Amino acid sequence: MGIKLRLTIMNFLQFFIWGAWLITIANYWFGTMGWGPTEFGAVFLTLGIASLFMPTITGIIADRWINAERVFAVSHIIAGAAIASFPFIKDPQTFFWVMLFAMSFYMPTIALTNTIAYNALSKAKLDVVKSFPPIRVWGTIGFIAAMWFVNLTGNKASVNMFYISAFASLILGLYSFTLPKCPPQLKEKTEGKQSLVKVFGLDAFKLFANYKMAIFFIFSMLLGASLQLTNMYGDRFLDHFKDIPQYADSAVVKYSTIIMSISQISETLFILAIPFFLKRFGIKKVMIISLFAWVLRFGLFAFGLPDGFGLVLIVVSMIVYGMAFDFFNISGSLFIETATDSKMRGSAQGLFMMMTNGFGTMIGALGSGVIIDKFYVLPNGVWDWHNLWLGFAGYALIVAILFIILFKHKHNPAEVADIKH
């Protein structure tokens, strides 16, 4: 088996594991278990908490003591075992702690996937820049495949989606032991001597002393609060139409998870369009396009229905997601690459991820749960979906307007001169 195929299988399973439950867990949480939105927000909070510290810790272990593919394998086996225990949990508080444990081992594997792939491709004397993207796209395909599988087998609200995820995690864990060795690169103690501040990338916080960088990181966090909202509540929103007699048998209800997967398909396509937009409009305008795409993402959901023009709005919202998600992440990463000193770029990129996927996700997860519980769940238990999505759209609009006013950055064509189609 060729190295490209082996890495393709690794990427496929890596995101299949996540796709099996991430989009559909709301149906299980609210529909099957009948738990509340505040506790549900806390569960998604675990993704942010785990993203704050575990990738760095596992990265240090892989850099200094244990082969990366072994750390990767053991992490998946432990995470898979934790996910397999989800069906036996009968209260949301316990679910939170077990989910936090599972995510503490799963989230670091996303970065380790790249480390293992880069190492293996380099050892095989292949061009990493050309070879890796076609391999990585199979991760997204794996995520989509899991969503379709869970939906078509009728498991989008059952415990079986956790067993599917756990089984895939076990398979990947065992398979990973067969991957090319990726040994530690800092075996000698003197080679890797750094302060804990530098090791954890905390020295990048000094960038907050610069006005432009401070504004950028603050808005990265504010936008990060939006990133998981439709993943958290989107499938549940589409599934709720089953309670309306005229829509109970609609395709939107039957295939809600498949419809949600259009977002992931869109994401892969918009990545290809990023070089054109960056060269044409520049980094700041691409970020602004992303922010207004989030306004559309939420706003279109507010008026979406399972038939006619309402269905068109839902599908367009799915398509817009690719622009909303990709444009800020890629342009933001490029802004850091061009605006920070080369000695601090790694730490600055880590801080960017910390602000979006760490603090931002935590704020969005916990805040949305509390806000929904307080303002958008009616006394009879019915959710006010229309105003809920309008509320999220209003938040995104405020963030976009403030970003335009406060973030000062002029387009420099040289910044994106090296981007290749």
Protein backbone atom coordinates (compact mmCIF):
# COMPACT_ATOMS: atom_id res chain seq x y z
CA MET A 1 0.00 0.00 0.00
CA GLY A 2 1.45 3.37 -1.05
CA ILE A 3 2.15 6.08 1.52
CA LYS A 4 -0.42 8.46 0.02
CA LEU A 5 -3.17 5.86 0.35
CA ARG A 6 -2.13 5.04 3.92
CA LEU A 7 -2.29 8.72 4.89
CA THR A 8 -5.59 9.10 3.04
CA ILE A 9 -7.10 6.33 5.18
CA MET A 10 -5.74 8.03 8.31
CA ASN A 11 -7.34 11.37 7.38
CA PHE A 12 -10.64 9.77 6.37
CA LEU A 13 -11.01 7.95 9.69
CA GLN A 14 -9.74 10.96 11.70
CA PHE A 15 -12.72 13.07 10.70
CA PHE A 16 -15.21 10.21 10.25
CA ILE A 17 -14.90 9.78 14.03
CA TRP A 18 -15.97 13.39 14.61
CA GLY A 19 -18.62 13.54 11.89
CA ALA A 20 -20.44 10.54 13.35
CA TRP A 21 -21.75 12.62 16.28
CA LEU A 22 -20.73 16.30 16.18
CA ILE A 23 -23.62 17.51 14.00
CA THR A 24 -26.25 15.09 15.31
CA ILE A 25 -25.59 15.08 19.06
CA ALA A 26 -28.21 17.82 19.56
CA ASN A 27 -30.93 15.41 18.35
CA TYR A 28 -29.78 12.88 20.92
CA TRP A 29 -29.40 15.48 23.66
CA PHE A 30 -32.74 17.28 23.29
CA GLY A 31 -34.87 14.68 21.54
CA THR A 32 -33.76 11.36 23.02
CA MET A 33 -32.58 12.41 26.47
CA GLY A 34 -34.68 15.56 26.97
CA TRP A 35 -31.83 17.55 28.53
CA GLY A 36 -31.63 21.35 28.54
CA PRO A 37 -29.81 23.96 26.39
CA THR A 38 -27.65 25.36 29.21
CA GLU A 39 -26.09 21.93 29.84
CA PHE A 40 -25.76 21.35 26.09
CA GLY A 41 -23.76 24.55 25.74
CA ALA A 42 -21.48 23.29 28.49
CA VAL A 43 -20.86 20.06 26.57
CA PHE A 44 -19.62 21.96 23.52
CA LEU A 45 -17.52 24.00 25.91
CA THR A 46 -15.33 20.89 26.24
CA LEU A 47 -14.06 21.37 22.67
CA GLY A 48 -12.73 24.80 23.59
CA ILE A 49 -11.24 23.71 26.91
CA ALA A 50 -9.44 20.77 25.32
CA SER A 51 -8.15 22.98 22.49
CA LEU A 52 -6.53 25.37 24.97
CA PHE A 53 -3.91 23.06 26.42
CA MET A 54 -3.96 19.45 25.19
CA PRO A 55 -2.56 19.99 21.66
CA THR A 56 0.46 21.73 23.20
CA ILE A 57 1.01 18.99 25.79
CA THR A 58 0.78 16.15 23.28
CA GLY A 59 2.98 18.15 20.89
CA ILE A 60 5.67 18.42 23.57
CA ILE A 61 5.45 14.67 24.25
CA ALA A 62 5.75 13.87 20.54
CA ASP A 63 8.61 16.33 20.09
CA ARG A 64 10.67 15.08 23.03
CA TRP A 65 9.87 11.57 24.19
CA ILE A 66 7.44 9.37 22.23
CA ASN A 67 6.90 8.82 18.50
CA ALA A 68 4.05 10.97 17.20
CA GLU A 69 2.24 8.02 15.58
CA ARG A 70 2.23 6.21 18.95
CA VAL A 71 0.87 9.23 20.81
CA PHE A 72 -1.73 9.52 18.05
CA ALA A 73 -2.68 5.84 18.32
CA VAL A 74 -3.00 5.77 22.11
CA SER A 75 -4.97 9.04 22.12
CA HIS A 76 -7.54 7.60 19.70
CA ILE A 77 -7.92 4.37 21.66
CA ILE A 78 -8.52 6.31 24.91
CA ALA A 79 -10.89 8.81 23.25
CA GLY A 80 -12.77 5.97 21.55
CA ALA A 81 -13.23 4.14 24.85
CA ALA A 82 -14.63 7.32 26.43
CA ILE A 83 -17.03 7.90 23.52
CA ALA A 84 -18.22 4.28 23.79
CA SER A 85 -19.31 5.03 27.37
CA PHE A 86 -21.61 7.94 26.36
CA PRO A 87 -24.71 5.70 25.94
CA PHE A 88 -24.47 4.60 29.56
CA ILE A 89 -24.56 8.14 30.98
CA LYS A 90 -27.94 9.19 32.35
CA ASP A 91 -27.36 12.79 33.47
CA PRO A 92 -25.92 15.86 31.69
CA GLN A 93 -23.39 16.69 34.41
CA THR A 94 -21.63 13.34 34.11
CA PHE A 95 -21.82 13.60 30.33
CA PHE A 96 -19.91 16.90 30.51
CA TRP A 97 -16.98 15.40 32.41
CA VAL A 98 -16.75 12.29 30.24
CA MET A 99 -16.98 14.44 27.10
CA LEU A 100 -14.19 16.67 28.44
CA PHE A 101 -12.05 13.58 29.00
CA ALA A 102 -12.79 12.29 25.48
CA MET A 103 -12.10 15.64 23.80
CA SER A 104 -8.86 16.06 25.76
CA PHE A 105 -7.56 13.07 23.84
CA TYR A 106 -9.34 13.61 20.52
CA MET A 107 -8.65 17.31 19.84
CA PRO A 108 -4.82 16.94 19.92
CA THR A 109 -5.01 14.25 17.24
CA ILE A 110 -6.12 16.84 14.66
CA ALA A 111 -2.71 18.52 14.83
CA LEU A 112 -0.88 15.19 15.13
CA THR A 113 -2.53 14.06 11.87
CA ASN A 114 -0.68 16.85 10.07
CA THR A 115 2.60 16.13 11.87
CA ILE A 116 2.52 12.44 10.92
CA ALA A 117 1.55 13.19 7.32
CA TYR A 118 4.25 15.85 6.82
CA ASN A 119 6.89 13.54 8.26
CA ALA A 120 5.85 10.55 6.15
CA LEU A 121 5.68 12.56 2.91
CA SER A 122 9.07 14.13 3.57
CA LYS A 123 10.65 10.72 4.26
CA ALA A 124 9.17 9.47 0.99
CA LYS A 125 10.81 12.47 -0.72
CA LEU A 126 7.46 13.79 -1.95
CA ASP A 127 6.50 17.44 -2.37
CA VAL A 128 4.49 18.13 0.80
CA VAL A 129 2.84 21.28 -0.61
CA LYS A 130 1.50 19.38 -3.62
CA SER A 131 0.85 16.01 -2.00
CA PHE A 132 -0.81 16.94 1.29
CA PRO A 133 -3.96 18.90 0.20
CA PRO A 134 -5.40 16.02 -1.90
CA ILE A 135 -4.81 13.74 1.10
CA ARG A 136 -6.30 16.18 3.62
CA VAL A 137 -9.48 16.70 1.61
CA TRP A 138 -10.33 13.06 2.39
CA GLY A 139 -10.68 14.15 6.00
CA THR A 140 -13.61 16.35 5.01
CA ILE A 141 -14.98 13.52 2.87
CA GLY A 142 -14.75 11.26 5.92
CA PHE A 143 -16.68 13.78 8.00
CA ILE A 144 -19.40 13.97 5.33
CA ALA A 145 -19.49 10.18 4.92
CA ALA A 146 -20.09 9.76 8.66
CA MET A 147 -22.94 12.28 8.59
CA TRP A 148 -24.58 10.47 5.68
CA PHE A 149 -24.08 7.05 7.24
CA VAL A 150 -25.61 8.09 10.57
CA ASN A 151 -28.57 9.73 8.82
CA LEU A 152 -29.30 6.96 6.29
CA THR A 153 -29.08 4.22 8.93
CA GLY A 154 -31.58 6.08 11.14
CA ASN A 155 -29.11 6.74 13.96
CA LYS A 156 -29.00 10.54 14.07
CA ALA A 157 -30.73 10.57 17.48
CA SER A 158 -29.65 7.20 18.86
CA VAL A 159 -26.75 5.93 20.94
CA ASN A 160 -25.51 4.00 17.91
CA MET A 161 -23.76 7.08 16.52
CA PHE A 162 -21.42 6.97 19.54
CA TYR A 163 -20.68 3.29 18.96
CA ILE A 164 -19.96 4.01 15.29
CA SER A 165 -17.57 6.80 16.28
CA ALA A 166 -15.90 4.69 18.99
CA PHE A 167 -15.42 1.73 16.63
CA ALA A 168 -13.81 3.97 13.99
CA SER A 169 -11.58 5.46 16.71
CA LEU A 170 -10.42 2.00 17.80
CA ILE A 171 -9.71 0.99 14.20
CA LEU A 172 -7.70 4.16 13.59
CA GLY A 173 -5.82 3.72 16.86
CA LEU A 174 -4.70 0.21 15.93
CA TYR A 175 -4.02 1.19 12.32
CA SER A 176 -1.82 4.08 13.45
CA PHE A 177 0.76 1.71 14.92
CA THR A 178 1.49 0.62 11.34
CA LEU A 179 2.17 4.15 10.05
CA PRO A 180 5.72 5.32 9.26
CA LYS A 181 7.69 6.14 12.38
CA CYS A 182 7.70 9.80 13.40
CA PRO A 183 10.35 9.96 16.16
CA PRO A 184 10.94 12.84 18.58
CA GLN A 185 13.00 15.67 17.10
CA LEU A 186 14.39 17.06 20.39
CA LYS A 187 16.05 14.07 22.01
CA GLU A 188 18.91 16.05 23.46
CA LYS A 189 17.85 18.11 26.44
CA THR A 190 20.05 20.99 25.42
CA GLU A 191 18.42 21.21 22.01
CA GLY A 192 14.96 21.84 23.34
CA LYS A 193 15.61 24.02 26.35
CA GLN A 194 12.95 26.67 26.50
CA SER A 195 10.98 28.38 29.20
CA LEU A 196 7.46 27.13 29.83
CA VAL A 197 6.20 30.45 28.52
CA LYS A 198 7.75 29.76 25.10
CA VAL A 199 6.89 26.08 25.09
CA PHE A 200 3.20 26.84 25.51
CA GLY A 201 3.36 29.74 23.08
CA LEU A 202 2.40 32.24 25.76
CA ASP A 203 5.09 34.67 24.66
CA ALA A 204 2.78 35.55 21.77
CA PHE A 205 0.50 37.38 24.23
CA LYS A 206 2.95 40.28 24.07
CA LEU A 207 1.44 40.95 20.64
CA PHE A 208 -1.55 42.45 22.47
CA ALA A 209 0.63 45.50 23.08
CA ASN A 210 0.19 46.28 19.37
CA TYR A 211 -3.21 47.90 18.68
CA LYS A 212 -3.81 46.19 15.33
CA MET A 213 -2.85 42.76 16.63
CA ALA A 214 -4.92 43.21 19.79
CA ILE A 215 -8.00 44.14 17.76
CA PHE A 216 -7.43 41.19 15.44
CA PHE A 217 -7.16 38.66 18.27
CA ILE A 218 -10.17 40.08 20.12
CA PHE A 219 -12.31 39.82 17.01
CA SER A 220 -10.94 36.34 16.34
CA MET A 221 -12.36 35.37 19.71
CA LEU A 222 -15.70 37.11 19.04
CA LEU A 223 -16.01 35.37 15.68
CA GLY A 224 -14.90 32.09 17.23
CA ALA A 225 -18.02 32.30 19.39
CA SER A 226 -20.06 31.83 16.17
CA LEU A 227 -18.08 28.96 14.65
CA GLN A 228 -19.85 26.04 16.32
CA LEU A 229 -23.37 27.48 16.67
CA THR A 230 -24.85 25.94 13.53
CA ASN A 231 -22.96 22.70 14.22
CA MET A 232 -24.53 22.69 17.66
CA TYR A 233 -28.10 23.56 16.73
CA GLY A 234 -28.43 23.27 12.93
CA ASP A 235 -29.47 19.61 12.66
CA ARG A 236 -31.81 20.00 15.62
CA PHE A 237 -33.39 23.02 13.89
CA LEU A 238 -34.07 21.05 10.70
CA ASP A 239 -35.32 18.05 12.68
CA HIS A 240 -37.82 20.16 14.65
CA PHE A 241 -40.00 20.52 11.55
CA LYS A 242 -41.22 16.95 12.19
CA ASP A 243 -43.42 18.46 14.90
CA ILE A 244 -45.25 20.57 12.29
CA PRO A 245 -47.78 18.30 10.52
CA GLN A 246 -47.38 19.80 7.04
CA TYR A 247 -43.60 19.23 7.15
CA ALA A 248 -43.43 15.98 9.14
CA ASP A 249 -42.68 13.81 6.10
CA SER A 250 -40.49 16.34 4.24
CA ALA A 251 -37.02 15.52 2.92
CA VAL A 252 -35.59 18.17 5.26
CA VAL A 253 -36.75 16.16 8.27
CA LYS A 254 -35.83 12.73 6.88
CA TYR A 255 -32.41 13.79 5.60
CA SER A 256 -31.54 16.72 7.87
CA THR A 257 -27.97 15.52 8.48
CA ILE A 258 -27.35 15.01 4.76
CA ILE A 259 -28.61 18.53 4.10
CA MET A 260 -26.29 19.82 6.82
CA SER A 261 -23.41 18.10 5.03
CA ILE A 262 -23.78 20.59 2.18
CA SER A 263 -21.95 22.98 4.52
CA GLN A 264 -18.90 20.71 4.58
CA ILE A 265 -19.03 20.22 0.81
CA SER A 266 -19.18 23.99 0.40
CA GLU A 267 -16.20 24.34 2.70
CA THR A 268 -14.01 22.23 0.42
CA LEU A 269 -15.05 24.25 -2.64
CA PHE A 270 -14.55 27.70 -1.13
CA ILE A 271 -11.01 26.79 -0.10
CA LEU A 272 -10.21 26.73 -3.82
CA ALA A 273 -11.61 30.25 -4.24
CA ILE A 274 -9.57 31.84 -1.45
CA PRO A 275 -6.48 32.72 -3.56
CA PHE A 276 -8.65 34.65 -6.05
CA PHE A 277 -10.47 36.60 -3.31
CA LEU A 278 -7.28 37.40 -1.43
CA LYS A 279 -5.52 38.72 -4.52
CA ARG A 280 -8.56 40.69 -5.66
CA PHE A 281 -9.74 42.18 -2.37
CA GLY A 282 -6.94 41.80 0.19
CA ILE A 283 -6.88 40.31 3.66
CA LYS A 284 -9.16 42.76 5.50
CA LYS A 285 -11.93 42.68 2.91
CA VAL A 286 -11.87 38.88 2.80
CA MET A 287 -12.26 38.86 6.59
CA ILE A 288 -15.19 41.26 6.25
CA ILE A 289 -16.77 39.05 3.59
CA SER A 290 -16.50 36.18 6.06
CA LEU A 291 -18.16 38.18 8.84
CA PHE A 292 -21.11 39.15 6.65
CA ALA A 293 -21.34 35.56 5.43
CA TRP A 294 -21.99 34.60 9.06
CA VAL A 295 -24.81 37.15 9.16
CA LEU A 296 -26.30 35.45 6.09
CA ARG A 297 -25.70 31.98 7.51
CA PHE A 298 -27.84 32.73 10.56
CA GLY A 299 -30.30 35.08 8.85
CA LEU A 300 -31.21 32.61 6.11
CA PHE A 301 -31.87 29.95 8.73
CA ALA A 302 -34.30 32.33 10.44
CA PHE A 303 -36.57 32.35 7.36
CA GLY A 304 -35.88 28.78 6.20
CA LEU A 305 -38.70 26.27 5.68
CA PRO A 306 -38.74 22.70 4.32
CA ASP A 307 -40.43 23.61 1.02
CA GLY A 308 -40.57 26.27 -1.69
CA PHE A 309 -38.53 29.43 -1.26
CA GLY A 310 -37.86 28.54 2.38
CA LEU A 311 -35.97 25.43 1.27
CA VAL A 312 -33.88 27.53 -1.11
CA LEU A 313 -32.91 29.76 1.84
CA ILE A 314 -31.80 26.73 3.86
CA VAL A 315 -29.66 25.40 1.00
CA VAL A 316 -28.12 28.83 0.37
CA SER A 317 -27.29 29.07 4.07
CA MET A 318 -25.45 25.76 3.78
CA ILE A 319 -23.49 27.02 0.78
CA VAL A 320 -22.62 30.31 2.49
CA TYR A 321 -21.12 28.38 5.41
CA GLY A 322 -18.03 27.49 3.37
CA MET A 323 -17.28 31.17 2.79
CA ALA A 324 -18.05 32.09 6.40
CA PHE A 325 -15.85 29.40 7.91
CA ASP A 326 -12.89 29.30 5.53
CA PHE A 327 -12.39 32.94 4.62
CA PHE A 328 -11.62 34.22 8.11
CA ASN A 329 -9.52 31.23 9.14
CA ILE A 330 -7.30 31.34 6.05
CA SER A 331 -7.06 35.13 5.72
CA GLY A 332 -6.48 35.45 9.46
CA SER A 333 -3.67 32.93 9.33
CA LEU A 334 -2.13 34.81 6.40
CA PHE A 335 -2.43 38.13 8.26
CA ILE A 336 -0.42 36.68 11.14
CA GLU A 337 2.14 35.28 8.72
CA THR A 338 2.71 38.71 7.18
CA ALA A 339 2.29 40.91 10.27
CA THR A 340 4.46 39.14 12.86
CA ASP A 341 8.16 38.56 13.27
CA SER A 342 9.37 35.22 11.90
CA LYS A 343 10.64 34.20 15.36
CA MET A 344 7.14 34.46 16.79
CA ARG A 345 4.95 33.28 13.92
CA GLY A 346 4.49 29.78 15.30
CA SER A 347 3.37 31.11 18.68
CA ALA A 348 1.19 33.74 17.03
CA GLN A 349 -0.55 31.11 14.91
CA GLY A 350 -1.10 29.07 18.05
CA LEU A 351 -2.59 32.11 19.78
CA PHE A 352 -4.90 32.65 16.80
CA MET A 353 -6.19 29.08 17.17
CA MET A 354 -6.45 29.53 20.93
CA MET A 355 -8.59 32.66 20.55
CA THR A 356 -10.92 31.17 17.90
CA ASN A 357 -11.19 27.46 18.72
CA GLY A 358 -10.35 27.84 22.40
CA PHE A 359 -11.75 30.94 24.09
CA GLY A 360 -14.15 31.74 21.23
CA THR A 361 -15.69 28.28 21.19
CA MET A 362 -15.99 28.33 24.97
CA ILE A 363 -17.81 31.68 24.95
CA GLY A 364 -20.12 30.63 22.11
CA ALA A 365 -20.94 27.24 23.59
CA LEU A 366 -21.63 28.34 27.15
CA GLY A 367 -23.15 31.71 26.23
CA SER A 368 -25.52 30.30 23.61
CA GLY A 369 -26.82 27.66 26.00
CA VAL A 370 -27.64 30.21 28.70
CA ILE A 371 -29.14 32.73 26.24
CA ILE A 372 -31.32 30.14 24.49
CA ASP A 373 -32.57 28.77 27.80
CA LYS A 374 -33.44 32.27 29.04
CA PHE A 375 -34.84 33.95 25.93
CA TYR A 376 -35.71 31.44 23.20
CA VAL A 377 -37.37 28.48 24.95
CA LEU A 378 -41.05 29.27 25.38
CA PRO A 379 -42.98 28.32 28.54
CA ASN A 380 -44.49 25.31 26.73
CA GLY A 381 -40.98 24.03 25.88
CA VAL A 382 -41.13 24.98 22.19
CA TRP A 383 -38.07 26.74 20.78
CA ASP A 384 -38.48 30.12 19.09
CA TRP A 385 -36.16 29.21 16.21
CA HIS A 386 -36.96 32.25 14.07
CA ASN A 387 -35.91 34.80 16.67
CA LEU A 388 -33.05 32.59 17.88
CA TRP A 389 -31.39 32.69 14.46
CA LEU A 390 -32.16 36.40 14.09
CA GLY A 391 -30.46 36.95 17.44
CA PHE A 392 -27.34 35.12 16.26
CA ALA A 393 -27.44 37.09 12.98
CA GLY A 394 -27.67 40.35 14.94
CA TYR A 395 -24.63 39.37 16.99
CA ALA A 396 -22.65 38.59 13.83
CA LEU A 397 -23.72 41.90 12.26
CA ILE A 398 -22.54 43.90 15.29
CA VAL A 399 -19.19 42.09 15.23
CA ALA A 400 -18.82 42.81 11.49
CA ILE A 401 -19.58 46.51 11.81
CA LEU A 402 -17.24 46.98 14.77
CA PHE A 403 -14.50 45.10 12.92
CA ILE A 404 -14.79 47.42 9.91
CA ILE A 405 -14.53 50.46 12.18
CA LEU A 406 -11.77 49.32 14.53
CA PHE A 407 -9.48 47.08 12.47
CA LYS A 408 -7.13 49.24 10.38
CA HIS A 409 -5.30 47.36 7.66
CA LYS A 410 -4.45 48.41 4.11
CA HIS A 411 -4.32 45.93 1.28
CA ASN A 412 -0.80 45.13 0.16
CA PRO A 413 -0.72 42.92 -2.98
CA ALA A 414 2.74 41.68 -1.94
CA GLU A 415 1.16 39.93 1.07
CA VAL A 416 -0.54 37.40 -1.16
CA ALA A 417 1.94 37.35 -4.02
CA ASP A 418 3.11 33.86 -3.10
CA ILE A 419 -0.34 32.27 -3.09
CA LYS A 420 -0.68 29.71 -5.86
CA HIS A 421 -3.89 28.56 -7.49
